[in-house]
Amino acid sequence: MKPIKVLVVDDSAVVRQVVSGMLAESTGIEVIATATDPLQAMERMKVQWPDVVVLDVEMPRMDGITFLRKLMAERPTPVIICSTLTEKGAKTTMEALAAGAVSIITKPKLGLKQFLTESSDDLVAAIRAAAGANVRRLAARSAAPTHVEAKNTADVILAPASGRAMTQTTERVIAIGTSTGGTQALEEVLTALPGVTPGIAIVQHMPEKFTAAFAARLDSICRIKVKEAANNDRIIQGQALIAPGGRHMLVKRSGAQYYVEVVDGPLVSRHRPSVDVLFRSVAKSAGSNAMGIIMTGMGDDGARGMKEMFDAGAHTVGQDEQSCVVYGMPKEAVRHGGVREVASLEKIPEIITRYGR
């Protein structure tokens, strides 16, 4: 099998050196070149085109977002954003994701070398996922530690669902889980929904400080209200709540009303927030009064939780392979037997709207 060819574009010599060094130690990955800015990168790409680009955002001569848009318009290529975690950087990275970036790796201003070394597993996994990404989908939308941690299940946050269907309520809950490629997919789905859509709870794998900017951006372009979830927020018609990065989000029930609980806790399926945690909580609290939707993303987070929703009587939907950027999470959900309906990304808003009626 041919190695994945990677181009690293960053004005920091430390980033270029450390990233190139650790990727050189990874089987099946080859750094073909590094560049200090996008203009130099374009010259290098004339010689050899990469399979994946690792790209900084703020650089001299041309910023990363402008370069990303140019790349996606002219020759779509998987791009991983490696961005500094600041308030401004979060908003900038949201623009990058909207422009077609596959995923983001956050980097601090201080302790950069140590951070990159400790996050080598995350970066390698992101590069492998990006290399297999459906870049056509991204182009259309754009017009951690070195040791392996134990892979926890949702048991570390809450007990398994009983499997009993809940008593019918007038209010309904829609739970959505997604990861790689999910920012673009969520934008396509949420912007197509009417204001009378049932309340939505969303887990998008995203680091701390990014979810607020992501929610604000969606809120500015959607007919429904979109916000980063806060503890005890009610799930109400015409509003989507996005789990804050770095914390789990559970759906709870009080009488006939639903609300969210935002909690700390261990990683579940190597994620926090975890889709498995959200889906299990919906299975326990809403049962047949809920719909679960699992969309593009790598790994298997959400597959077990969706099966629990299925067993509790919820209507469950998995995005199809053709419309996914990475067909990982939906594939695993199908394999676990938790998906009632498979649908393209374009059809999901229609399914949600029909369910709302």
Foldseek 3Di string as FASTA:
>chain_A
DAAFEEEEEALDPLCVVLLQVLQVVDPRHHHPYYYNHLVVVVVVVVVPNGQEYEAEADGPPDGPQVSLLVCLVPPQHAYEYEYEDDLVRLLSVLSSVQLQHQYYHYAHPPPRSVVCQQCSVVVVVSSVQSSQFPRVLSSVSNCGGPDDDDAAALVQPPNFAPLAADDDFPAFEEEEEEEGSVLSLCLLQQQPAAQQFGFYEYEYFDAASNVQSSQVVSCVRHNAHGGAADAFAWRGGRYYHYDGHQWAKAWADDPRTIGIGTGHTDAHSNTHHFLLNHLRRCLRHHQQRYEYEYAADAGATNLVSLQSSQSSNHAYEYEDPVQHRGPHHSVSNVVSVRHPYYYHSNCVNVVSNVSSD
